[in-house]
C-alpha cells in the first residue's frame, strides 16, 4: 500500500508540473529554457498514462481552464467576433483590451497581453515536446504512441492555422530547443502554411479512424479526442484557404459521405452526442462551469447586458439578415427585453449553446469542427471549379436544414456571394469564421470601413493583422511589431 501511495503521489506531482505549463506564455518558445520536470522530462513519455496526460494539457487549455477569454486558441471565438461585425458592446465597458478588439483599435499599449498568441504558442510547445518525446520513447503501447503523435501534429497545425490567420508572418518553432527558439523571427506566411499542410497530412495518417476514449485503447461515443476525420476536416478548411479547391472538395467529400456524420436537427447540433460533430472540446470541470463556455459568456441574464461581465450581444444588423422562415433565427438566437427610462430595449444574443452558468450535468461541448462547415467548404470549392449544380446541392443542404427552400440563383458570382452569406448565418460565433472569411476573400476593407465606424472606431487596411504587446516584444528581441502598428 505504501508503494502504491508513493507512486500515486509521484504521478500527481508529475502531472501537476505538466499542467503548470498552462500558466506559461509564448516566452516558453522563444526566450527561456524548458521547465524542469515538466514536458521536457523524457520519462513522461515512457508510460501510456503520463504520455496521454501531456496531450491532455492542450485540450484542457482550450476548455474551462483557458476558454474564450483566458488565453487559448478558443479565444478566437470571442476576439475575432469582436473584431468583425457579429457582436455589439454594452456602453460603459472600460477594459481597454476588449475595446481595442471591438473598435479595431488595438495597439501595443492597450493590448497588454496577447491571449491568442500566448495560448497558441503554449500549445505548440506542448505539441513539440510530445513529438520529440514520443519519437524517442521505447515504453509506450504502439497504438498509443501512434495516436498521440497524430494528436501532437494536429494540435501544432491547428494552432499555427489560427496564429498565421490572425498575425500574418509568425515565428515557426518546430522544436523545444530554447537556443534556437530564442532567435526566431517571423517566418513568411507561405512557409507556415506549408508546415500546416505537412502536419495535417501526418496527423491524417497517424490518427485512428475511430473516436478513442481516455486510455486510447477503446472507442468512445464522445468525439473529444482528434481522429483521422478531424485531421481531414482541418485539411479541407486549409485547402480552401489556400485556394486549392480540388483538394478541399476531396477532403470534405470524405466526411460528407461518411455514415459517422450527419446533419443534425438545429437544437441537437451542439450537444455532446451530436453526430454532426467532427471534433469538440469537452469541459473539464463540474458545477456551474460543466458545460460550454460559449453558453456562459454569451447567454444574457434577464436584466440584459451589464458591466458585470455580460458585455456582449448580437449586432442588430446581423440579426436582421435572417428571414422569418429561417429556423436558425428561432433556434440559435434568443433575446431579453429591458426597460430603460420607460423605453423597452430588446437585446439579441447567441443561443446555439442553451446552458449558461448553471449547475447541471454536462450536455453541451464546444464544437470546433462540424459537418455543416464541410458542406459549405465543398460548395465553395465546387463553385470555384465551375461545378454549379454540385455547389447548389451543398448550399441547399444547409439551407434546407434551416427550413429554407432551395435557392433560385444560378450565376457563379451570385452563388459565391450566397455561400458567403450562408457561412455567416450558419457559423456565427464559432472559432472566428466570419473574421477569417472577410480576410481570405478580400472583403475585409469594404465591410470593416463601415462596421468599424459603427463600433466607434476607424478602419485601416493594416488592421487585418493583430499587433503584439509591448511585453511580448521586450521578451523576444528577434520579433518585430506587426507592420502598421
Protein backbone atom coordinates (compact mmCIF):
# COMPACT_ATOMS: atom_id res chain seq x y z
CA UNK A 1 0.00 0.00 0.00
CA UNK A 2 2.83 2.39 0.83
CA UNK A 3 4.42 1.73 -2.56
CA UNK A 4 1.13 2.37 -4.32
CA UNK A 5 0.57 5.62 -2.43
CA UNK A 6 4.09 6.76 -3.25
CA UNK A 7 3.57 6.00 -6.93
CA UNK A 8 0.26 7.86 -6.93
CA UNK A 9 1.89 10.83 -5.23
CA UNK A 10 4.73 10.90 -7.75
CA UNK A 11 2.27 10.75 -10.64
CA UNK A 12 0.26 13.60 -9.13
CA UNK A 13 3.37 15.77 -8.80
CA UNK A 14 4.40 14.90 -12.34
CA UNK A 15 1.01 15.79 -13.80
CA UNK A 16 0.91 18.98 -11.74
CA UNK A 17 4.22 20.02 -13.24
CA UNK A 18 2.86 19.26 -16.71
CA UNK A 19 -0.27 21.26 -16.05
CA UNK A 20 1.80 24.21 -14.82
CA UNK A 21 2.76 24.75 -18.43
CA UNK A 22 -0.71 26.19 -18.83
CA UNK A 23 0.48 29.29 -16.98
CA UNK A 24 3.44 29.91 -19.26
CA UNK A 25 3.24 32.20 -22.26
CA UNK A 26 4.96 32.03 -25.63
CA UNK A 27 8.20 33.14 -23.98
CA UNK A 28 8.47 29.39 -23.38
CA UNK A 29 9.13 29.05 -27.09
CA UNK A 30 11.35 31.93 -27.84
CA UNK A 31 13.12 33.10 -24.74
CA UNK A 32 13.75 30.79 -21.81
CA UNK A 33 14.77 27.24 -21.09
CA UNK A 34 12.20 24.46 -20.73
CA UNK A 35 10.83 23.96 -17.21
CA UNK A 36 12.50 21.37 -15.04
CA UNK A 37 10.50 18.17 -14.53
CA UNK A 38 7.79 19.29 -16.96
CA UNK A 39 7.06 18.20 -20.51
CA UNK A 40 10.75 18.18 -21.41
CA UNK A 41 11.29 15.29 -19.00
CA UNK A 42 11.50 12.35 -21.40
CA UNK A 43 10.46 9.90 -18.69
CA UNK A 44 6.96 11.30 -19.11
CA UNK A 45 6.78 9.59 -22.49
CA UNK A 46 7.68 6.14 -21.20
CA UNK A 47 4.24 5.23 -19.81
CA UNK A 48 0.88 5.43 -21.57
CA UNK A 49 -0.82 7.32 -18.73
CA UNK A 50 1.70 10.15 -18.43
CA UNK A 51 2.15 10.49 -22.20
CA UNK A 52 -1.62 10.82 -22.61
CA UNK A 53 -1.64 13.42 -19.82
CA UNK A 54 0.82 15.59 -21.77
CA UNK A 55 -1.56 15.88 -24.70
CA UNK A 56 -4.50 16.41 -22.37
CA UNK A 57 -2.96 19.70 -21.22
CA UNK A 58 -3.50 21.14 -24.71
CA UNK A 59 -7.19 20.21 -24.61
CA UNK A 60 -7.59 21.48 -21.05
CA UNK A 61 -6.31 24.88 -22.15
CA UNK A 62 -8.99 25.03 -24.85
CA UNK A 63 -11.66 24.17 -22.29
CA UNK A 64 -12.63 25.72 -18.98
CA UNK A 65 -9.04 26.31 -17.92
CA UNK A 66 -8.36 28.55 -20.91
CA UNK A 67 -11.51 29.12 -22.84
CA UNK A 68 -12.91 32.11 -24.64
CA UNK A 69 -11.32 34.81 -22.50
CA UNK A 70 -8.18 33.49 -20.92
CA UNK A 71 -5.57 32.68 -23.49
CA UNK A 72 -6.16 29.65 -25.66
CA UNK A 73 -6.97 29.23 -29.32
CA UNK A 74 -10.61 29.01 -28.21
CA UNK A 75 -10.26 32.75 -27.50
CA UNK A 76 -10.55 33.36 -31.24
CA UNK A 77 -14.32 32.82 -30.92
CA UNK A 78 -14.64 35.95 -28.80
CA UNK A 79 -11.85 38.20 -30.01
CA UNK A 80 -12.33 37.63 -33.74
CA UNK A 81 -16.08 38.16 -33.39
CA UNK A 82 -15.40 41.46 -31.64
CA UNK A 83 -13.04 42.46 -34.43
CA UNK A 84 -15.60 41.63 -37.12
CA UNK A 85 -19.25 42.68 -37.33
CA UNK A 86 -21.00 39.99 -35.28
CA UNK A 87 -21.15 41.49 -31.78
CA UNK A 88 -22.22 44.74 -30.19
CA UNK A 89 -20.77 46.00 -26.93
CA UNK A 90 -22.62 47.31 -23.90
CA UNK A 91 -21.87 51.04 -23.32
CA UNK A 92 -19.59 51.83 -20.42
CA UNK A 93 -17.14 48.96 -20.77
CA UNK A 94 -13.71 50.21 -19.70
CA UNK A 95 -11.50 47.19 -20.41
CA UNK A 96 -9.07 48.71 -22.90
CA UNK A 97 -8.01 45.43 -24.48
CA UNK A 98 -11.62 44.34 -25.08
CA UNK A 99 -12.42 47.77 -26.52
CA UNK A 100 -9.31 47.55 -28.68
CA UNK A 101 -10.54 44.36 -30.33
CA UNK A 102 -14.08 45.71 -30.64
CA UNK A 103 -13.22 49.11 -32.11
CA UNK A 104 -10.40 47.74 -34.27
CA UNK A 105 -8.12 49.99 -32.27
CA UNK A 106 -5.53 47.57 -30.88
CA UNK A 107 -2.03 48.86 -30.25
CA UNK A 108 0.91 47.77 -28.15
CA UNK A 109 -0.22 49.87 -25.18
CA UNK A 110 -3.85 48.72 -24.82
CA UNK A 111 -3.02 45.13 -25.73
CA UNK A 112 -1.11 44.44 -22.53
CA UNK A 113 -1.35 40.73 -23.24
CA UNK A 114 -1.77 38.65 -26.38
CA UNK A 115 -4.17 35.88 -25.36
CA UNK A 116 -4.43 34.02 -28.67
CA UNK A 117 -0.69 34.33 -29.34
CA UNK A 118 0.23 33.18 -25.85
CA UNK A 119 -2.23 30.32 -25.84
CA UNK A 120 -1.26 29.23 -29.33
CA UNK A 121 2.46 29.06 -28.69
CA UNK A 122 1.83 27.43 -25.34
CA UNK A 123 0.01 24.59 -27.11
CA UNK A 124 2.70 24.45 -29.80
CA UNK A 125 5.34 23.97 -27.13
CA UNK A 126 3.37 21.05 -25.71
CA UNK A 127 2.99 19.57 -29.20
CA UNK A 128 6.70 19.97 -29.97
CA UNK A 129 7.61 18.37 -26.66
CA UNK A 130 5.28 15.47 -27.38
CA UNK A 131 6.64 14.93 -30.90
CA UNK A 132 10.20 14.84 -29.59
CA UNK A 133 9.41 12.68 -26.59
CA UNK A 134 7.16 10.24 -28.43
CA UNK A 135 9.63 9.71 -31.25
CA UNK A 136 12.30 8.74 -28.72
CA UNK A 137 10.04 6.69 -26.47
CA UNK A 138 10.55 2.92 -26.14
CA UNK A 139 7.97 2.13 -23.48
CA UNK A 140 4.58 3.04 -24.96
CA UNK A 141 1.91 0.77 -26.34
CA UNK A 142 2.36 1.11 -30.15
CA UNK A 143 -1.21 2.23 -30.82
CA UNK A 144 -0.98 4.83 -28.05
CA UNK A 145 2.28 6.17 -29.43
CA UNK A 146 0.87 6.44 -32.95
CA UNK A 147 -2.34 8.14 -31.82
CA UNK A 148 -0.53 10.65 -29.60
CA UNK A 149 1.90 11.55 -32.37
CA UNK A 150 -1.07 12.21 -34.63
CA UNK A 151 -2.68 14.35 -31.96
CA UNK A 152 0.51 16.35 -31.48
CA UNK A 153 0.85 17.09 -35.20
CA UNK A 154 -2.82 18.04 -35.35
CA UNK A 155 -2.60 20.38 -32.34
CA UNK A 156 0.50 22.07 -33.75
CA UNK A 157 -1.18 22.57 -37.13
CA UNK A 158 -4.41 23.87 -35.61
CA UNK A 159 -2.60 26.48 -33.56
CA UNK A 160 -0.42 27.60 -36.45
CA UNK A 161 -3.56 27.86 -38.59
CA UNK A 162 -5.07 30.43 -36.27
CA UNK A 163 -1.85 32.24 -35.48
CA UNK A 164 -0.95 32.89 -39.11
CA UNK A 165 -4.53 33.85 -39.98
CA UNK A 166 -4.58 36.40 -37.16
CA UNK A 167 -0.99 37.67 -37.07
CA UNK A 168 0.32 37.05 -40.60
CA UNK A 169 4.02 36.20 -40.62
CA UNK A 170 4.85 34.41 -37.36
CA UNK A 171 7.75 32.51 -35.75
CA UNK A 172 7.79 28.89 -36.85
CA UNK A 173 9.00 26.91 -33.83
CA UNK A 174 9.34 23.20 -34.52
CA UNK A 175 11.34 22.07 -31.50
CA UNK A 176 11.78 22.76 -27.80
CA UNK A 177 15.39 23.89 -28.29
CA UNK A 178 15.44 27.18 -26.42
CA UNK A 179 18.71 28.29 -28.01
CA UNK A 180 17.10 28.03 -31.44
CA UNK A 181 13.70 29.37 -30.44
CA UNK A 182 15.20 32.40 -28.71
CA UNK A 183 16.44 33.66 -32.08
CA UNK A 184 13.29 33.07 -34.10
CA UNK A 185 11.90 35.94 -36.12
CA UNK A 186 8.72 35.92 -38.18
CA UNK A 187 8.56 33.34 -40.96
CA UNK A 188 6.63 34.15 -44.15
CA UNK A 189 3.01 33.05 -44.16
CA UNK A 190 3.64 30.73 -47.10
CA UNK A 191 6.19 28.78 -45.08
CA UNK A 192 3.78 28.48 -42.16
CA UNK A 193 1.04 27.20 -44.47
CA UNK A 194 3.41 24.56 -45.84
CA UNK A 195 4.05 23.36 -42.30
CA UNK A 196 0.34 23.26 -41.53
CA UNK A 197 -0.35 21.08 -44.56
CA UNK A 198 2.59 18.81 -43.70
CA UNK A 199 1.49 18.40 -40.07
CA UNK A 200 -2.11 17.71 -41.01
CA UNK A 201 -1.01 15.15 -43.57
CA UNK A 202 0.95 13.32 -40.88
CA UNK A 203 -1.97 13.58 -38.47
CA UNK A 204 -4.31 12.12 -41.08
CA UNK A 205 -2.04 9.09 -41.47
CA UNK A 206 -1.39 8.55 -37.76
CA UNK A 207 -4.73 9.24 -36.08
CA UNK A 208 -7.25 6.48 -35.53
CA UNK A 209 -10.33 6.36 -37.72
CA UNK A 210 -12.28 5.74 -34.52
CA UNK A 211 -13.01 8.19 -31.71
CA UNK A 212 -10.99 6.88 -28.79
CA UNK A 213 -11.62 7.01 -25.06
CA UNK A 214 -9.38 8.32 -22.30
CA UNK A 215 -6.94 5.39 -22.35
CA UNK A 216 -6.83 5.34 -26.18
CA UNK A 217 -7.43 1.59 -26.08
CA UNK A 218 -11.20 1.64 -26.63
CA UNK A 219 -13.67 3.62 -28.68
CA UNK A 220 -15.80 6.43 -27.26
CA UNK A 221 -19.25 7.73 -28.07
CA UNK A 222 -17.91 11.26 -27.49
CA UNK A 223 -15.74 13.00 -30.07
CA UNK A 224 -13.32 14.82 -27.81
CA UNK A 225 -10.02 13.32 -28.97
CA UNK A 226 -8.95 14.12 -32.53
CA UNK A 227 -9.44 11.34 -35.04
CA UNK A 228 -8.40 10.85 -38.65
CA UNK A 229 -11.63 12.61 -39.58
CA UNK A 230 -10.66 15.67 -37.53
CA UNK A 231 -7.43 15.99 -39.49
CA UNK A 232 -9.38 15.63 -42.74
CA UNK A 233 -11.76 18.40 -41.67
CA UNK A 234 -8.81 20.67 -40.89
CA UNK A 235 -7.20 19.81 -44.23
CA UNK A 236 -10.40 20.66 -46.11
CA UNK A 237 -10.51 24.06 -44.40
CA UNK A 238 -6.81 24.64 -45.00
CA UNK A 239 -7.00 23.78 -48.71
CA UNK A 240 -9.96 26.14 -49.11
CA UNK A 241 -7.95 28.97 -47.58
CA UNK A 242 -5.04 28.12 -49.89
CA UNK A 243 -7.38 28.17 -52.90
CA UNK A 244 -6.62 24.51 -53.64
CA UNK A 245 -10.23 23.82 -54.47
CA UNK A 246 -9.96 20.29 -55.88
CA UNK A 247 -8.11 19.14 -52.76
CA UNK A 248 -10.61 20.92 -50.48
CA UNK A 249 -13.54 19.21 -52.22
CA UNK A 250 -11.86 15.81 -51.97
CA UNK A 251 -11.25 16.11 -48.24
CA UNK A 252 -14.71 17.45 -47.43
CA UNK A 253 -16.30 14.71 -49.55
CA UNK A 254 -14.62 12.09 -47.36
CA UNK A 255 -16.59 13.48 -44.42
CA UNK A 256 -19.89 14.24 -46.14
CA UNK A 257 -20.02 10.70 -47.49
CA UNK A 258 -19.12 9.09 -44.16
CA UNK A 259 -22.03 7.50 -42.25
CA UNK A 260 -20.35 8.53 -38.98
CA UNK A 261 -21.55 12.06 -39.64
CA UNK A 262 -24.92 13.58 -40.44
CA UNK A 263 -26.56 16.99 -40.28
CA UNK A 264 -28.48 17.10 -37.02
CA UNK A 265 -31.70 18.99 -36.19
CA UNK A 266 -30.71 22.51 -35.17
CA UNK A 267 -31.16 22.04 -31.44
CA UNK A 268 -29.06 18.86 -31.42
CA UNK A 269 -26.03 20.28 -33.22
CA UNK A 270 -24.12 21.41 -30.14
CA UNK A 271 -24.92 18.55 -27.82
CA UNK A 272 -22.11 16.26 -26.74
CA UNK A 273 -23.93 13.41 -28.52
CA UNK A 274 -24.15 15.29 -31.83
CA UNK A 275 -23.40 13.20 -34.92
CA UNK A 276 -22.67 16.41 -36.78
CA UNK A 277 -19.65 16.88 -34.57
CA UNK A 278 -16.25 16.09 -36.09
CA UNK A 279 -14.32 17.30 -33.06
CA UNK A 280 -15.42 19.04 -29.87
CA UNK A 281 -13.77 20.31 -26.72
CA UNK A 282 -15.04 18.73 -23.52
CA UNK A 283 -15.47 20.88 -20.39
CA UNK A 284 -13.14 19.59 -17.70
CA UNK A 285 -14.76 20.98 -14.57
CA UNK A 286 -18.07 20.50 -12.77
CA UNK A 287 -20.81 22.61 -11.26
CA UNK A 288 -21.71 25.91 -12.91
CA UNK A 289 -18.91 25.51 -15.47
CA UNK A 290 -19.62 21.94 -16.50
CA UNK A 291 -20.94 22.90 -19.96
CA UNK A 292 -19.53 25.01 -22.80
CA UNK A 293 -18.05 28.40 -22.07
CA UNK A 294 -19.90 29.81 -25.10
CA UNK A 295 -23.12 29.44 -23.12
CA UNK A 296 -21.69 31.11 -20.03
CA UNK A 297 -20.24 34.04 -21.96
CA UNK A 298 -22.98 34.79 -24.46
CA UNK A 299 -26.31 33.91 -22.79
CA UNK A 300 -27.62 37.13 -21.30
CA UNK A 301 -29.31 37.24 -17.89
CA UNK A 302 -32.87 38.52 -17.52
CA UNK A 303 -31.54 42.02 -16.78
CA UNK A 304 -29.78 42.07 -20.13
CA UNK A 305 -26.18 43.12 -20.79
CA UNK A 306 -24.37 44.60 -17.82
CA UNK A 307 -20.95 45.83 -16.77
CA UNK A 308 -20.68 42.74 -14.59
CA UNK A 309 -19.20 40.55 -17.31
CA UNK A 310 -22.17 40.35 -19.69
CA UNK A 311 -20.78 42.85 -22.18
CA UNK A 312 -21.69 41.25 -25.50
CA UNK A 313 -24.80 40.77 -27.58
CA UNK A 314 -25.54 40.27 -31.26
CA UNK A 315 -25.29 43.18 -33.63
CA UNK A 316 -28.84 44.07 -34.78
CA UNK A 317 -27.72 44.29 -38.41
CA UNK A 318 -26.58 40.70 -38.20
CA UNK A 319 -29.86 39.56 -36.66
CA UNK A 320 -31.80 41.27 -39.44
CA UNK A 321 -30.00 39.18 -42.09
CA UNK A 322 -32.17 36.20 -41.19
CA UNK A 323 -35.51 35.80 -42.91
CA UNK A 324 -38.53 34.91 -40.79
CA UNK A 325 -38.60 31.39 -42.26
CA UNK A 326 -35.03 30.70 -41.18
CA UNK A 327 -35.22 28.29 -38.26
CA UNK A 328 -31.75 29.33 -37.10
CA UNK A 329 -33.23 32.70 -36.21
CA UNK A 330 -35.74 30.94 -33.98
CA UNK A 331 -33.48 28.26 -32.52
CA UNK A 332 -29.98 29.76 -32.40
CA UNK A 333 -30.82 33.30 -31.31
CA UNK A 334 -32.64 34.41 -28.16
CA UNK A 335 -33.39 37.79 -26.64
CA UNK A 336 -34.18 39.70 -23.50
CA UNK A 337 -36.12 42.93 -23.27
CA UNK A 338 -35.07 45.53 -20.74
CA UNK A 339 -36.98 48.72 -19.97
CA UNK A 340 -34.74 51.77 -19.58
CA UNK A 341 -36.37 55.09 -18.67
CA UNK A 342 -39.68 53.67 -19.74
CA UNK A 343 -38.38 52.55 -23.13
CA UNK A 344 -38.18 48.79 -23.88
CA UNK A 345 -34.88 47.73 -25.44
CA UNK A 346 -34.51 44.28 -26.94
CA UNK A 347 -31.11 42.61 -26.89
CA UNK A 348 -30.41 39.55 -29.05
CA UNK A 349 -27.80 37.01 -28.06
CA UNK A 350 -26.35 33.74 -29.43
CA UNK A 351 -28.30 30.70 -28.30
CA UNK A 352 -26.56 27.87 -30.10
CA UNK A 353 -25.49 26.69 -26.65
CA UNK A 354 -28.50 26.68 -24.34
CA UNK A 355 -26.83 26.25 -20.95
CA UNK A 356 -25.24 29.17 -19.15
CA UNK A 357 -23.65 29.27 -15.72
CA UNK A 358 -25.96 26.83 -14.00
CA UNK A 359 -25.07 23.69 -12.05
CA UNK A 360 -26.38 20.93 -14.29
CA UNK A 361 -24.71 17.85 -15.80
CA UNK A 362 -22.64 18.37 -18.94
CA UNK A 363 -24.69 18.01 -22.13
CA UNK A 364 -23.06 20.58 -24.45
CA UNK A 365 -19.50 20.54 -25.77
CA UNK A 366 -17.81 23.30 -27.76
CA UNK A 367 -17.83 22.27 -31.44
CA UNK A 368 -14.55 23.07 -33.21
CA UNK A 369 -15.25 21.18 -36.45
CA UNK A 370 -18.69 20.11 -37.62
CA UNK A 371 -20.22 18.72 -40.79
CA UNK A 372 -22.16 21.84 -41.86
CA UNK A 373 -18.88 23.66 -42.44
CA UNK A 374 -17.73 20.83 -44.71
CA UNK A 375 -20.83 21.23 -46.91
CA UNK A 376 -20.06 24.93 -47.23
CA UNK A 377 -16.39 24.25 -47.93
CA UNK A 378 -17.33 21.85 -50.71
CA UNK A 379 -19.98 24.22 -52.07
CA UNK A 380 -17.40 26.99 -52.40
CA UNK A 381 -14.76 24.67 -53.82
CA UNK A 382 -17.18 23.32 -56.42
CA UNK A 383 -18.37 26.79 -57.41
CA UNK A 384 -14.76 27.89 -57.88
CA UNK A 385 -14.29 24.90 -60.19
CA UNK A 386 -17.45 25.81 -62.13
CA UNK A 387 -19.41 22.82 -60.83
CA UNK A 388 -22.53 24.94 -60.32
CA UNK A 389 -25.02 22.07 -59.80
CA UNK A 390 -22.75 20.48 -57.20
CA UNK A 391 -22.25 23.80 -55.42
CA UNK A 392 -26.01 24.38 -55.30
CA UNK A 393 -26.66 20.90 -53.92
CA UNK A 394 -24.31 21.51 -50.99
CA UNK A 395 -25.57 25.04 -50.38
CA UNK A 396 -29.16 23.84 -50.41
CA UNK A 397 -28.39 21.05 -47.95
CA UNK A 398 -27.56 23.71 -45.34
CA UNK A 399 -30.48 25.92 -46.35
CA UNK A 400 -32.94 23.03 -46.18
CA UNK A 401 -31.75 22.03 -42.70
CA UNK A 402 -32.54 25.62 -41.66
CA UNK A 403 -36.08 25.32 -43.05
CA UNK A 404 -35.37 27.28 -46.24
CA UNK A 405 -36.28 26.31 -49.79
CA UNK A 406 -33.68 25.75 -52.50
CA UNK A 407 -32.08 28.90 -53.82
CA UNK A 408 -33.03 30.02 -57.33
CA UNK A 409 -29.79 31.80 -58.16
CA UNK A 410 -27.65 30.40 -60.97
CA UNK A 411 -24.75 32.75 -61.73
CA UNK A 412 -21.33 31.87 -60.32
CA UNK A 413 -20.65 35.27 -58.64
CA UNK A 414 -24.12 35.23 -57.09
CA UNK A 415 -23.66 31.67 -55.86
CA UNK A 416 -20.34 32.55 -54.23
CA UNK A 417 -22.00 35.53 -52.53
CA UNK A 418 -24.79 33.25 -51.33
CA UNK A 419 -22.28 30.78 -49.91
CA UNK A 420 -20.53 33.58 -48.05
CA UNK A 421 -23.85 34.73 -46.61
CA UNK A 422 -24.71 31.18 -45.63
CA UNK A 423 -21.36 30.78 -43.88
CA UNK A 424 -22.12 33.97 -41.95
CA UNK A 425 -25.58 32.77 -40.87
CA UNK A 426 -24.54 29.19 -40.13
CA UNK A 427 -21.13 29.61 -38.47
CA UNK A 428 -21.54 32.79 -36.44
CA UNK A 429 -19.68 32.93 -33.13
CA UNK A 430 -17.74 29.75 -33.94
CA UNK A 431 -13.95 30.00 -33.88
CA UNK A 432 -13.60 33.20 -35.87
CA UNK A 433 -15.14 32.11 -39.18
CA UNK A 434 -16.61 35.50 -40.06
CA UNK A 435 -13.41 37.46 -39.42
CA UNK A 436 -11.25 34.97 -41.29
CA UNK A 437 -13.72 34.73 -44.18
CA UNK A 438 -13.66 38.50 -44.63
CA UNK A 439 -9.88 38.45 -44.84
CA UNK A 440 -9.37 35.42 -47.08
CA UNK A 441 -11.97 36.64 -49.62
CA UNK A 442 -10.56 40.18 -49.70
CA UNK A 443 -13.82 41.69 -48.47
CA UNK A 444 -12.50 42.95 -45.18
CA UNK A 445 -11.76 46.55 -46.19
CA UNK A 446 -15.16 47.07 -47.79
CA UNK A 447 -17.05 45.59 -44.84
CA UNK A 448 -14.98 46.92 -41.98
CA UNK A 449 -14.76 50.53 -43.17
CA UNK A 450 -18.40 50.99 -42.18
CA UNK A 451 -18.51 48.31 -39.46
CA UNK A 452 -15.60 49.84 -37.54
CA UNK A 453 -17.22 53.26 -37.76
CA UNK A 454 -20.47 51.79 -36.38
CA UNK A 455 -18.48 50.48 -33.41
CA UNK A 456 -16.84 53.83 -32.75
CA UNK A 457 -13.52 53.03 -34.42
CA UNK A 458 -11.72 53.74 -37.67
CA UNK A 459 -10.65 51.05 -40.11
CA UNK A 460 -7.26 50.94 -41.79
CA UNK A 461 -6.08 48.05 -44.01
CA UNK A 462 -3.11 47.07 -41.83
CA UNK A 463 -5.55 46.13 -39.07
CA UNK A 464 -6.28 42.80 -40.73
CA UNK A 465 -3.35 41.54 -38.61
CA UNK A 466 -3.24 41.80 -34.85
CA UNK A 467 -0.32 43.55 -33.09
CA UNK A 468 1.98 42.10 -30.46
CA UNK A 469 2.05 43.51 -26.96
CA UNK A 470 4.95 45.62 -25.77
CA UNK A 471 5.65 42.93 -23.18
CA UNK A 472 5.98 40.29 -25.89
CA UNK A 473 8.35 42.42 -27.93
CA UNK A 474 10.58 43.02 -24.91
CA UNK A 475 10.67 39.30 -24.16
CA UNK A 476 11.68 38.40 -27.70
CA UNK A 477 14.12 40.86 -29.30
CA UNK A 478 14.13 38.93 -32.60
CA UNK A 479 10.44 39.72 -33.11
CA UNK A 480 9.28 42.84 -34.89
CA UNK A 481 5.94 44.53 -34.37
CA UNK A 482 3.22 43.84 -36.89
CA UNK A 483 3.54 46.31 -39.74
CA UNK A 484 1.44 49.44 -39.29
CA UNK A 485 1.35 49.47 -35.51
